[in-house]
Amino acid sequence: MKKSLIILLVLLFNTSLFADDKMILGLEVFNKKAMCGTCHTLKAAGAEGEIGPSLDIIKPQISQIIYTVTNGIGVMAAWDGILTQEEIEAVAYYVFNSTSK
């Protein structure tokens, strides 16, 4: 029983470390590499863009964010080939977790 509890705690601890790294990368992509805040509002990132929708209001799902960032939508360009898959997933994770509170 104690062994199982210790293993569970270790897994939970390691998962949160990976999640933090993904949040850090997602914020970096959002603010620096893709400069999403130029168009989008996202309070957590300090972004006040007025061209695209406010991410705080629409609260997109991770799959929606990945699809939109990868393929573009409306006037938003596709970021596939500019951002890596890891960066796209990280920015989606960051936006989702920042708006789903």
PDB file of N, CA and C in Angstrom:
ATOM      1  N   MET A   1       0.826  -1.194   0.000  1.00  0.00           N
ATOM      2  CA  MET A   1       0.000   0.000   0.000  1.00  0.00           C
ATOM      3  C   MET A   1       0.867   1.253   0.000  1.00  0.00           C
ATOM      4  N   LYS A   2       1.876   1.288   0.887  1.00  0.00           N
ATOM      5  CA  LYS A   2       2.761   2.448   0.969  1.00  0.00           C
ATOM      6  C   LYS A   2       3.532   2.649  -0.335  1.00  0.00           C
ATOM      7  N   LYS A   3       3.961   1.531  -0.947  1.00  0.00           N
ATOM      8  CA  LYS A   3       4.693   1.608  -2.203  1.00  0.00           C
ATOM      9  C   LYS A   3       3.819   2.229  -3.293  1.00  0.00           C
ATOM     10  N   SER A   4       2.572   1.819  -3.344  1.00  0.00           N
ATOM     11  CA  SER A   4       1.645   2.351  -4.342  1.00  0.00           C
ATOM     12  C   SER A   4       1.429   3.846  -4.149  1.00  0.00           C
ATOM     13  N   LEU A   5       1.294   4.259  -2.904  1.00  0.00           N
ATOM     14  CA  LEU A   5       1.091   5.670  -2.597  1.00  0.00           C
ATOM     15  C   LEU A   5       2.314   6.487  -2.992  1.00  0.00           C
ATOM     16  N   ILE A   6       3.485   5.980  -2.718  1.00  0.00           N
ATOM     17  CA  ILE A   6       4.718   6.679  -3.073  1.00  0.00           C
ATOM     18  C   ILE A   6       4.840   6.795  -4.590  1.00  0.00           C
ATOM     19  N   ILE A   7       4.561   5.720  -5.298  1.00  0.00           N
ATOM     20  CA  ILE A   7       4.618   5.737  -6.762  1.00  0.00           C
ATOM     21  C   ILE A   7       3.614   6.750  -7.316  1.00  0.00           C
ATOM     22  N   LEU A   8       2.427   6.764  -6.777  1.00  0.00           N
ATOM     23  CA  LEU A   8       1.406   7.713  -7.216  1.00  0.00           C
ATOM     24  C   LEU A   8       1.855   9.152  -6.983  1.00  0.00           C
ATOM     25  N   LEU A   9       2.421   9.429  -5.824  1.00  0.00           N
ATOM     26  CA  LEU A   9       2.905  10.777  -5.517  1.00  0.00           C
ATOM     27  C   LEU A   9       4.034  11.200  -6.450  1.00  0.00           C
ATOM     28  N   VAL A  10       4.931  10.282  -6.745  1.00  0.00           N
ATOM     29  CA  VAL A  10       6.032  10.579  -7.664  1.00  0.00           C
ATOM     30  C   VAL A  10       5.491  10.896  -9.052  1.00  0.00           C
ATOM     31  N   LEU A  11       4.538  10.104  -9.517  1.00  0.00           N
ATOM     32  CA  LEU A  11       3.946  10.356 -10.832  1.00  0.00           C
ATOM     33  C   LEU A  11       3.232  11.699 -10.875  1.00  0.00           C
ATOM     34  N   LEU A  12       2.484  12.011  -9.853  1.00  0.00           N
ATOM     35  CA  LEU A  12       1.792  13.300  -9.801  1.00  0.00           C
ATOM     36  C   LEU A  12       2.782  14.449  -9.772  1.00  0.00           C
ATOM     37  N   PHE A  13       3.836  14.317  -8.996  1.00  0.00           N
ATOM     38  CA  PHE A  13       4.846  15.361  -8.905  1.00  0.00           C
ATOM     39  C   PHE A  13       5.526  15.566 -10.249  1.00  0.00           C
ATOM     40  N   ASN A  14       5.914  14.483 -10.907  1.00  0.00           N
ATOM     41  CA  ASN A  14       6.578  14.588 -12.209  1.00  0.00           C
ATOM     42  C   ASN A  14       5.653  15.164 -13.262  1.00  0.00           C
ATOM     43  N   THR A  15       4.386  14.804 -13.246  1.00  0.00           N
ATOM     44  CA  THR A  15       3.428  15.334 -14.204  1.00  0.00           C
ATOM     45  C   THR A  15       3.305  16.835 -14.051  1.00  0.00           C
ATOM     46  N   SER A  16       3.257  17.334 -12.834  1.00  0.00           N
ATOM     47  CA  SER A  16       3.131  18.773 -12.651  1.00  0.00           C
ATOM     48  C   SER A  16       4.393  19.499 -13.103  1.00  0.00           C
ATOM     49  N   LEU A  17       5.548  18.867 -12.997  1.00  0.00           N
ATOM     50  CA  LEU A  17       6.767  19.490 -13.503  1.00  0.00           C
ATOM     51  C   LEU A  17       6.715  19.632 -15.010  1.00  0.00           C
ATOM     52  N   PHE A  18       6.261  18.575 -15.703  1.00  0.00           N
ATOM     53  CA  PHE A  18       6.139  18.646 -17.150  1.00  0.00           C
ATOM     54  C   PHE A  18       5.094  19.687 -17.547  1.00  0.00           C
ATOM     55  N   ALA A  19       4.011  19.761 -16.807  1.00  0.00           N
ATOM     56  CA  ALA A  19       2.960  20.724 -17.106  1.00  0.00           C
ATOM     57  C   ALA A  19       3.499  22.136 -16.981  1.00  0.00           C
ATOM     58  N   ASP A  20       4.303  22.407 -15.958  1.00  0.00           N
ATOM     59  CA  ASP A  20       4.886  23.737 -15.790  1.00  0.00           C
ATOM     60  C   ASP A  20       5.797  24.082 -16.961  1.00  0.00           C
ATOM     61  N   ASP A  21       6.605  23.130 -17.402  1.00  0.00           N
ATOM     62  CA  ASP A  21       7.478  23.366 -18.550  1.00  0.00           C
ATOM     63  C   ASP A  21       6.665  23.678 -19.801  1.00  0.00           C
ATOM     64  N   LYS A  22       5.556  22.977 -19.963  1.00  0.00           N
ATOM     65  CA  LYS A  22       4.703  23.202 -21.126  1.00  0.00           C
ATOM     66  C   LYS A  22       4.031  24.572 -21.045  1.00  0.00           C
ATOM     67  N   MET A  23       3.645  24.981 -19.841  1.00  0.00           N
ATOM     68  CA  MET A  23       3.058  26.314 -19.653  1.00  0.00           C
ATOM     69  C   MET A  23       4.094  27.397 -19.964  1.00  0.00           C
ATOM     70  N   ILE A  24       5.320  27.191 -19.527  1.00  0.00           N
ATOM     71  CA  ILE A  24       6.385  28.176 -19.781  1.00  0.00           C
ATOM     72  C   ILE A  24       6.651  28.296 -21.278  1.00  0.00           C
ATOM     73  N   LEU A  25       6.761  27.166 -21.960  1.00  0.00           N
ATOM     74  CA  LEU A  25       6.970  27.188 -23.414  1.00  0.00           C
ATOM     75  C   LEU A  25       5.776  27.826 -24.110  1.00  0.00           C
ATOM     76  N   GLY A  26       4.567  27.479 -23.683  1.00  0.00           N
ATOM     77  CA  GLY A  26       3.363  28.048 -24.292  1.00  0.00           C
ATOM     78  C   GLY A  26       3.311  29.559 -24.157  1.00  0.00           C
ATOM     79  N   LEU A  27       3.665  30.077 -22.987  1.00  0.00           N
ATOM     80  CA  LEU A  27       3.693  31.526 -22.781  1.00  0.00           C
ATOM     81  C   LEU A  27       4.754  32.173 -23.663  1.00  0.00           C
ATOM     82  N   GLU A  28       5.909  31.523 -23.770  1.00  0.00           N
ATOM     83  CA  GLU A  28       6.983  32.053 -24.618  1.00  0.00           C
ATOM     84  C   GLU A  28       6.541  32.120 -26.082  1.00  0.00           C
ATOM     85  N   VAL A  29       5.893  31.065 -26.555  1.00  0.00           N
ATOM     86  CA  VAL A  29       5.392  31.055 -27.931  1.00  0.00           C
ATOM     87  C   VAL A  29       4.330  32.133 -28.104  1.00  0.00           C
ATOM     88  N   PHE A  30       3.397  32.217 -27.156  1.00  0.00           N
ATOM     89  CA  PHE A  30       2.298  33.189 -27.239  1.00  0.00           C
ATOM     90  C   PHE A  30       2.830  34.616 -27.298  1.00  0.00           C
ATOM     91  N   ASN A  31       3.754  34.948 -26.394  1.00  0.00           N
ATOM     92  CA  ASN A  31       4.222  36.336 -26.278  1.00  0.00           C
ATOM     93  C   ASN A  31       5.382  36.688 -27.200  1.00  0.00           C
ATOM     94  N   LYS A  32       6.270  35.753 -27.479  1.00  0.00           N
ATOM     95  CA  LYS A  32       7.497  36.112 -28.195  1.00  0.00           C
ATOM     96  C   LYS A  32       7.568  35.567 -29.615  1.00  0.00           C
ATOM     97  N   LYS A  33       7.433  34.267 -29.767  1.00  0.00           N
ATOM     98  CA  LYS A  33       7.659  33.681 -31.096  1.00  0.00           C
ATOM     99  C   LYS A  33       6.502  33.957 -32.053  1.00  0.00           C
ATOM    100  N   ALA A  34       5.278  33.725 -31.613  1.00  0.00           N
ATOM    101  CA  ALA A  34       4.129  33.933 -32.493  1.00  0.00           C
ATOM    102  C   ALA A  34       3.466  35.298 -32.274  1.00  0.00           C
ATOM    103  N   MET A  35       3.777  35.915 -31.163  1.00  0.00           N
ATOM    104  CA  MET A  35       3.212  37.226 -30.811  1.00  0.00           C
ATOM    105  C   MET A  35       1.681  37.252 -30.974  1.00  0.00           C
ATOM    106  N   CYS A  36       1.034  36.245 -30.396  1.00  0.00           N
ATOM    107  CA  CYS A  36      -0.421  36.092 -30.492  1.00  0.00           C
ATOM    108  C   CYS A  36      -1.170  37.290 -29.917  1.00  0.00           C
ATOM    109  N   GLY A  37      -0.575  37.935 -28.921  1.00  0.00           N
ATOM    110  CA  GLY A  37      -1.208  39.072 -28.267  1.00  0.00           C
ATOM    111  C   GLY A  37      -1.348  40.295 -29.154  1.00  0.00           C
ATOM    112  N   THR A  38      -0.696  40.296 -30.297  1.00  0.00           N
ATOM    113  CA  THR A  38      -0.879  41.380 -31.261  1.00  0.00           C
ATOM    114  C   THR A  38      -2.329  41.420 -31.719  1.00  0.00           C
ATOM    115  N   CYS A  39      -2.941  40.250 -31.821  1.00  0.00           N
ATOM    116  CA  CYS A  39      -4.323  40.157 -32.294  1.00  0.00           C
ATOM    117  C   CYS A  39      -5.308  39.745 -31.208  1.00  0.00           C
ATOM    118  N   HIS A  40      -4.875  38.918 -30.268  1.00  0.00           N
ATOM    119  CA  HIS A  40      -5.784  38.336 -29.287  1.00  0.00           C
ATOM    120  C   HIS A  40      -5.617  38.920 -27.889  1.00  0.00           C
ATOM    121  N   THR A  41      -6.720  38.978 -27.158  1.00  0.00           N
ATOM    122  CA  THR A  41      -6.697  39.330 -25.747  1.00  0.00           C
ATOM    123  C   THR A  41      -6.590  38.039 -24.937  1.00  0.00           C
ATOM    124  N   LEU A  42      -5.674  38.028 -23.984  1.00  0.00           N
ATOM    125  CA  LEU A  42      -5.534  36.929 -23.040  1.00  0.00           C
ATOM    126  C   LEU A  42      -4.939  37.524 -21.772  1.00  0.00           C
ATOM    127  N   LYS A  43      -5.771  37.677 -20.747  1.00  0.00           N
ATOM    128  CA  LYS A  43      -5.341  38.322 -19.503  1.00  0.00           C
ATOM    129  C   LYS A  43      -4.085  37.694 -18.918  1.00  0.00           C
ATOM    130  N   ALA A  44      -4.029  36.371 -18.894  1.00  0.00           N
ATOM    131  CA  ALA A  44      -2.900  35.669 -18.273  1.00  0.00           C
ATOM    132  C   ALA A  44      -1.569  36.036 -18.917  1.00  0.00           C
ATOM    133  N   ALA A  45      -1.594  36.385 -20.196  1.00  0.00           N
ATOM    134  CA  ALA A  45      -0.370  36.738 -20.918  1.00  0.00           C
ATOM    135  C   ALA A  45      -0.165  38.248 -20.978  1.00  0.00           C
ATOM    136  N   GLY A  46      -1.104  39.008 -20.431  1.00  0.00           N
ATOM    137  CA  GLY A  46      -1.018  40.464 -20.495  1.00  0.00           C
ATOM    138  C   GLY A  46      -1.291  40.994 -21.887  1.00  0.00           C
ATOM    139  N   ALA A  47      -2.017  40.226 -22.696  1.00  0.00           N
ATOM    140  CA  ALA A  47      -2.278  40.587 -24.092  1.00  0.00           C
ATOM    141  C   ALA A  47      -3.623  41.291 -24.232  1.00  0.00           C
ATOM    142  N   GLU A  48      -3.629  42.354 -25.014  1.00  0.00           N
ATOM    143  CA  GLU A  48      -4.850  43.137 -25.210  1.00  0.00           C
ATOM    144  C   GLU A  48      -5.135  43.400 -26.678  1.00  0.00           C
ATOM    145  N   GLY A  49      -4.824  42.424 -27.547  1.00  0.00           N
ATOM    146  CA  GLY A  49      -5.078  42.586 -28.974  1.00  0.00           C
ATOM    147  C   GLY A  49      -6.564  42.724 -29.263  1.00  0.00           C
ATOM    148  N   GLU A  50      -6.879  43.457 -30.319  1.00  0.00           N
ATOM    149  CA  GLU A  50      -8.281  43.726 -30.648  1.00  0.00           C
ATOM    150  C   GLU A  50      -8.669  43.278 -32.054  1.00  0.00           C
ATOM    151  N   ILE A  51      -7.789  42.561 -32.742  1.00  0.00           N
ATOM    152  CA  ILE A  51      -8.094  42.126 -34.102  1.00  0.00           C
ATOM    153  C   ILE A  51      -8.846  40.797 -34.084  1.00  0.00           C
ATOM    154  N   GLY A  52      -8.286  39.819 -33.382  1.00  0.00           N
ATOM    155  CA  GLY A  52      -8.908  38.504 -33.272  1.00  0.00           C
ATOM    156  C   GLY A  52      -9.793  38.437 -32.051  1.00  0.00           C
ATOM    157  N   PRO A  53     -10.472  37.318 -31.877  1.00  0.00           N
ATOM    158  CA  PRO A  53     -11.362  37.186 -30.723  1.00  0.00           C
ATOM    159  C   PRO A  53     -10.586  37.154 -29.398  1.00  0.00           C
ATOM    160  N   SER A  54     -11.257  37.580 -28.348  1.00  0.00           N
ATOM    161  CA  SER A  54     -10.694  37.491 -27.001  1.00  0.00           C
ATOM    162  C   SER A  54     -10.724  36.026 -26.584  1.00  0.00           C
ATOM    163  N   LEU A  55      -9.571  35.484 -26.304  1.00  0.00           N
ATOM    164  CA  LEU A  55      -9.486  34.079 -25.899  1.00  0.00           C
ATOM    165  C   LEU A  55     -10.103  33.871 -24.527  1.00  0.00           C
ATOM    166  N   ASP A  56     -10.100  34.920 -23.695  1.00  0.00           N
ATOM    167  CA  ASP A  56     -10.737  34.838 -22.376  1.00  0.00           C
ATOM    168  C   ASP A  56     -12.253  34.667 -22.502  1.00  0.00           C
ATOM    169  N   ILE A  57     -12.820  35.202 -23.553  1.00  0.00           N
ATOM    170  CA  ILE A  57     -14.271  35.111 -23.758  1.00  0.00           C
ATOM    171  C   ILE A  57     -14.655  33.803 -24.440  1.00  0.00           C
ATOM    172  N   ILE A  58     -13.946  33.435 -25.508  1.00  0.00           N
ATOM    173  CA  ILE A  58     -14.374  32.237 -26.257  1.00  0.00           C
ATOM    174  C   ILE A  58     -13.929  30.929 -25.617  1.00  0.00           C
ATOM    175  N   LYS A  59     -12.898  30.968 -24.759  1.00  0.00           N
ATOM    176  CA  LYS A  59     -12.435  29.794 -24.017  1.00  0.00           C
ATOM    177  C   LYS A  59     -12.352  28.532 -24.905  1.00  0.00           C
ATOM    178  N   PRO A  60     -11.476  28.561 -25.913  1.00  0.00           N
ATOM    179  CA  PRO A  60     -11.413  27.417 -26.839  1.00  0.00           C
ATOM    180  C   PRO A  60     -10.838  26.164 -26.199  1.00  0.00           C
ATOM    181  N   GLN A  61     -11.215  25.032 -26.745  1.00  0.00           N
ATOM    182  CA  GLN A  61     -10.695  23.736 -26.323  1.00  0.00           C
ATOM    183  C   GLN A  61      -9.320  23.516 -26.953  1.00  0.00           C
ATOM    184  N   ILE A  62      -8.523  22.642 -26.365  1.00  0.00           N
ATOM    185  CA  ILE A  62      -7.169  22.388 -26.876  1.00  0.00           C
ATOM    186  C   ILE A  62      -7.210  21.958 -28.339  1.00  0.00           C
ATOM    187  N   SER A  63      -8.108  21.069 -28.685  1.00  0.00           N
ATOM    188  CA  SER A  63      -8.169  20.583 -30.075  1.00  0.00           C
ATOM    189  C   SER A  63      -8.507  21.720 -31.040  1.00  0.00           C
ATOM    190  N   GLN A  64      -9.357  22.643 -30.633  1.00  0.00           N
ATOM    191  CA  GLN A  64      -9.699  23.798 -31.474  1.00  0.00           C
ATOM    192  C   GLN A  64      -8.484  24.704 -31.671  1.00  0.00           C
ATOM    193  N   ILE A  65      -7.748  24.915 -30.609  1.00  0.00           N
ATOM    194  CA  ILE A  65      -6.569  25.781 -30.683  1.00  0.00           C
ATOM    195  C   ILE A  65      -5.517  25.159 -31.593  1.00  0.00           C
ATOM    196  N   ILE A  66      -5.250  23.879 -31.397  1.00  0.00           N
ATOM    197  CA  ILE A  66      -4.258  23.192 -32.229  1.00  0.00           C
ATOM    198  C   ILE A  66      -4.665  23.272 -33.700  1.00  0.00           C
ATOM    199  N   TYR A  67      -5.913  22.990 -33.997  1.00  0.00           N
ATOM    200  CA  TYR A  67      -6.390  23.030 -35.386  1.00  0.00           C
ATOM    201  C   TYR A  67      -6.235  24.436 -35.971  1.00  0.00           C
ATOM    202  N   THR A  68      -6.658  25.446 -35.221  1.00  0.00           N
ATOM    203  CA  THR A  68      -6.632  26.818 -35.712  1.00  0.00           C
ATOM    204  C   THR A  68      -5.210  27.328 -35.891  1.00  0.00           C
ATOM    205  N   VAL A  69      -4.350  27.073 -34.925  1.00  0.00           N
ATOM    206  CA  VAL A  69      -2.960  27.523 -35.039  1.00  0.00           C
ATOM    207  C   VAL A  69      -2.269  26.795 -36.192  1.00  0.00           C
ATOM    208  N   THR A  70      -2.527  25.531 -36.348  1.00  0.00           N
ATOM    209  CA  THR A  70      -1.905  24.737 -37.408  1.00  0.00           C
ATOM    210  C   THR A  70      -2.370  25.170 -38.793  1.00  0.00           C
ATOM    211  N   ASN A  71      -3.685  25.332 -38.961  1.00  0.00           N
ATOM    212  CA  ASN A  71      -4.264  25.546 -40.291  1.00  0.00           C
ATOM    213  C   ASN A  71      -4.688  26.981 -40.590  1.00  0.00           C
ATOM    214  N   GLY A  72      -4.768  27.813 -39.570  1.00  0.00           N
ATOM    215  CA  GLY A  72      -5.289  29.165 -39.778  1.00  0.00           C
ATOM    216  C   GLY A  72      -6.802  29.137 -39.874  1.00  0.00           C
ATOM    217  N   ILE A  73      -7.410  30.315 -39.746  1.00  0.00           N
ATOM    218  CA  ILE A  73      -8.862  30.438 -39.879  1.00  0.00           C
ATOM    219  C   ILE A  73      -9.168  31.911 -40.128  1.00  0.00           C
ATOM    220  N   GLY A  74     -10.062  32.181 -41.047  1.00  0.00           N
ATOM    221  CA  GLY A  74     -10.381  33.571 -41.372  1.00  0.00           C
ATOM    222  C   GLY A  74      -9.125  34.311 -41.801  1.00  0.00           C
ATOM    223  N   VAL A  75      -8.849  35.457 -41.161  1.00  0.00           N
ATOM    224  CA  VAL A  75      -7.653  36.238 -41.507  1.00  0.00           C
ATOM    225  C   VAL A  75      -6.398  35.736 -40.786  1.00  0.00           C
ATOM    226  N   MET A  76      -6.555  34.795 -39.865  1.00  0.00           N
ATOM    227  CA  MET A  76      -5.401  34.261 -39.143  1.00  0.00           C
ATOM    228  C   MET A  76      -4.646  33.271 -40.021  1.00  0.00           C
ATOM    229  N   ALA A  77      -3.357  33.526 -40.171  1.00  0.00           N
ATOM    230  CA  ALA A  77      -2.507  32.658 -40.985  1.00  0.00           C
ATOM    231  C   ALA A  77      -2.239  31.326 -40.288  1.00  0.00           C
ATOM    232  N   ALA A  78      -1.924  30.314 -41.070  1.00  0.00           N
ATOM    233  CA  ALA A  78      -1.511  29.013 -40.540  1.00  0.00           C
ATOM    234  C   ALA A  78      -0.086  29.135 -40.011  1.00  0.00           C
ATOM    235  N   TRP A  79       0.173  28.524 -38.863  1.00  0.00           N
ATOM    236  CA  TRP A  79       1.492  28.554 -38.243  1.00  0.00           C
ATOM    237  C   TRP A  79       2.242  27.241 -38.428  1.00  0.00           C
ATOM    238  N   ASP A  80       1.636  26.272 -39.124  1.00  0.00           N
ATOM    239  CA  ASP A  80       2.295  25.007 -39.413  1.00  0.00           C
ATOM    240  C   ASP A  80       3.525  25.295 -40.277  1.00  0.00           C
ATOM    241  N   GLY A  81       4.662  24.762 -39.878  1.00  0.00           N
ATOM    242  CA  GLY A  81       5.899  25.020 -40.606  1.00  0.00           C
ATOM    243  C   GLY A  81       6.673  26.209 -40.043  1.00  0.00           C
ATOM    244  N   ILE A  82       5.998  27.055 -39.287  1.00  0.00           N
ATOM    245  CA  ILE A  82       6.653  28.179 -38.618  1.00  0.00           C
ATOM    246  C   ILE A  82       6.919  27.782 -37.171  1.00  0.00           C
ATOM    247  N   LEU A  83       5.884  27.236 -36.529  1.00  0.00           N
ATOM    248  CA  LEU A  83       6.015  26.689 -35.180  1.00  0.00           C
ATOM    249  C   LEU A  83       6.170  25.181 -35.287  1.00  0.00           C
ATOM    250  N   THR A  84       6.902  24.591 -34.369  1.00  0.00           N
ATOM    251  CA  THR A  84       6.999  23.139 -34.323  1.00  0.00           C
ATOM    252  C   THR A  84       5.703  22.577 -33.734  1.00  0.00           C
ATOM    253  N   GLN A  85       5.503  21.289 -33.890  1.00  0.00           N
ATOM    254  CA  GLN A  85       4.332  20.647 -33.289  1.00  0.00           C
ATOM    255  C   GLN A  85       4.361  20.810 -31.776  1.00  0.00           C
ATOM    256  N   GLU A  86       5.541  20.710 -31.185  1.00  0.00           N
ATOM    257  CA  GLU A  86       5.681  20.894 -29.736  1.00  0.00           C
ATOM    258  C   GLU A  86       5.257  22.312 -29.326  1.00  0.00           C
ATOM    259  N   GLU A  87       5.639  23.304 -30.103  1.00  0.00           N
ATOM    260  CA  GLU A  87       5.271  24.689 -29.796  1.00  0.00           C
ATOM    261  C   GLU A  87       3.769  24.916 -29.953  1.00  0.00           C
ATOM    262  N   ILE A  88       3.188  24.331 -30.992  1.00  0.00           N
ATOM    263  CA  ILE A  88       1.740  24.455 -31.205  1.00  0.00           C
ATOM    264  C   ILE A  88       0.985  23.817 -30.038  1.00  0.00           C
ATOM    265  N   GLU A  89       1.410  22.625 -29.633  1.00  0.00           N
ATOM    266  CA  GLU A  89       0.749  21.954 -28.512  1.00  0.00           C
ATOM    267  C   GLU A  89       0.943  22.736 -27.210  1.00  0.00           C
ATOM    268  N   ALA A  90       2.108  23.324 -27.021  1.00  0.00           N
ATOM    269  CA  ALA A  90       2.379  24.090 -25.802  1.00  0.00           C
ATOM    270  C   ALA A  90       1.538  25.362 -25.752  1.00  0.00           C
ATOM    271  N   VAL A  91       1.424  26.069 -26.862  1.00  0.00           N
ATOM    272  CA  VAL A  91       0.622  27.298 -26.850  1.00  0.00           C
ATOM    273  C   VAL A  91      -0.857  26.951 -26.669  1.00  0.00           C
ATOM    274  N   ALA A  92      -1.295  25.842 -27.231  1.00  0.00           N
ATOM    275  CA  ALA A  92      -2.678  25.397 -27.040  1.00  0.00           C
ATOM    276  C   ALA A  92      -2.918  25.049 -25.573  1.00  0.00           C
ATOM    277  N   TYR A  93      -1.986  24.336 -24.984  1.00  0.00           N
ATOM    278  CA  TYR A  93      -2.066  23.963 -23.569  1.00  0.00           C
ATOM    279  C   TYR A  93      -2.102  25.213 -22.700  1.00  0.00           C
ATOM    280  N   TYR A  94      -1.246  26.172 -23.014  1.00  0.00           N
ATOM    281  CA  TYR A  94      -1.181  27.415 -22.241  1.00  0.00           C
ATOM    282  C   TYR A  94      -2.496  28.199 -22.340  1.00  0.00           C
ATOM    283  N   VAL A  95      -2.989  28.391 -23.553  1.00  0.00           N
ATOM    284  CA  VAL A  95      -4.231  29.145 -23.735  1.00  0.00           C
ATOM    285  C   VAL A  95      -5.393  28.435 -23.045  1.00  0.00           C
ATOM    286  N   PHE A  96      -5.510  27.139 -23.243  1.00  0.00           N
ATOM    287  CA  PHE A  96      -6.596  26.381 -22.631  1.00  0.00           C
ATOM    288  C   PHE A  96      -6.562  26.502 -21.112  1.00  0.00           C
ATOM    289  N   ASN A  97      -5.402  26.273 -20.527  1.00  0.00           N
ATOM    290  CA  ASN A  97      -5.290  26.316 -19.064  1.00  0.00           C
ATOM    291  C   ASN A  97      -5.435  27.733 -18.504  1.00  0.00           C
ATOM    292  N   SER A  98      -5.108  28.722 -19.313  1.00  0.00           N
ATOM    293  CA  SER A  98      -5.252  30.106 -18.862  1.00  0.00           C
ATOM    294  C   SER A  98      -6.687  30.604 -18.955  1.00  0.00           C
ATOM    295  N   THR A  99      -7.489  29.968 -19.785  1.00  0.00           N
ATOM    296  CA  THR A  99      -8.863  30.431 -19.978  1.00  0.00           C
ATOM    297  C   THR A  99      -9.911  29.525 -19.348  1.00  0.00           C
ATOM    298  N   SER A 100      -9.538  28.359 -18.887  1.00  0.00           N
ATOM    299  CA  SER A 100     -10.527  27.417 -18.365  1.00  0.00           C
ATOM    300  C   SER A 100     -10.613  27.424 -16.847  1.00  0.00           C
ATOM    301  N   LYS A 101     -10.221  28.501 -16.231  1.00  0.00           N
ATOM    302  CA  LYS A 101     -10.260  28.605 -14.763  1.00  0.00           C
ATOM    303  C   LYS A 101     -11.612  29.053 -14.300  1.00  0.00           C
TER     304      LYS A 101
END
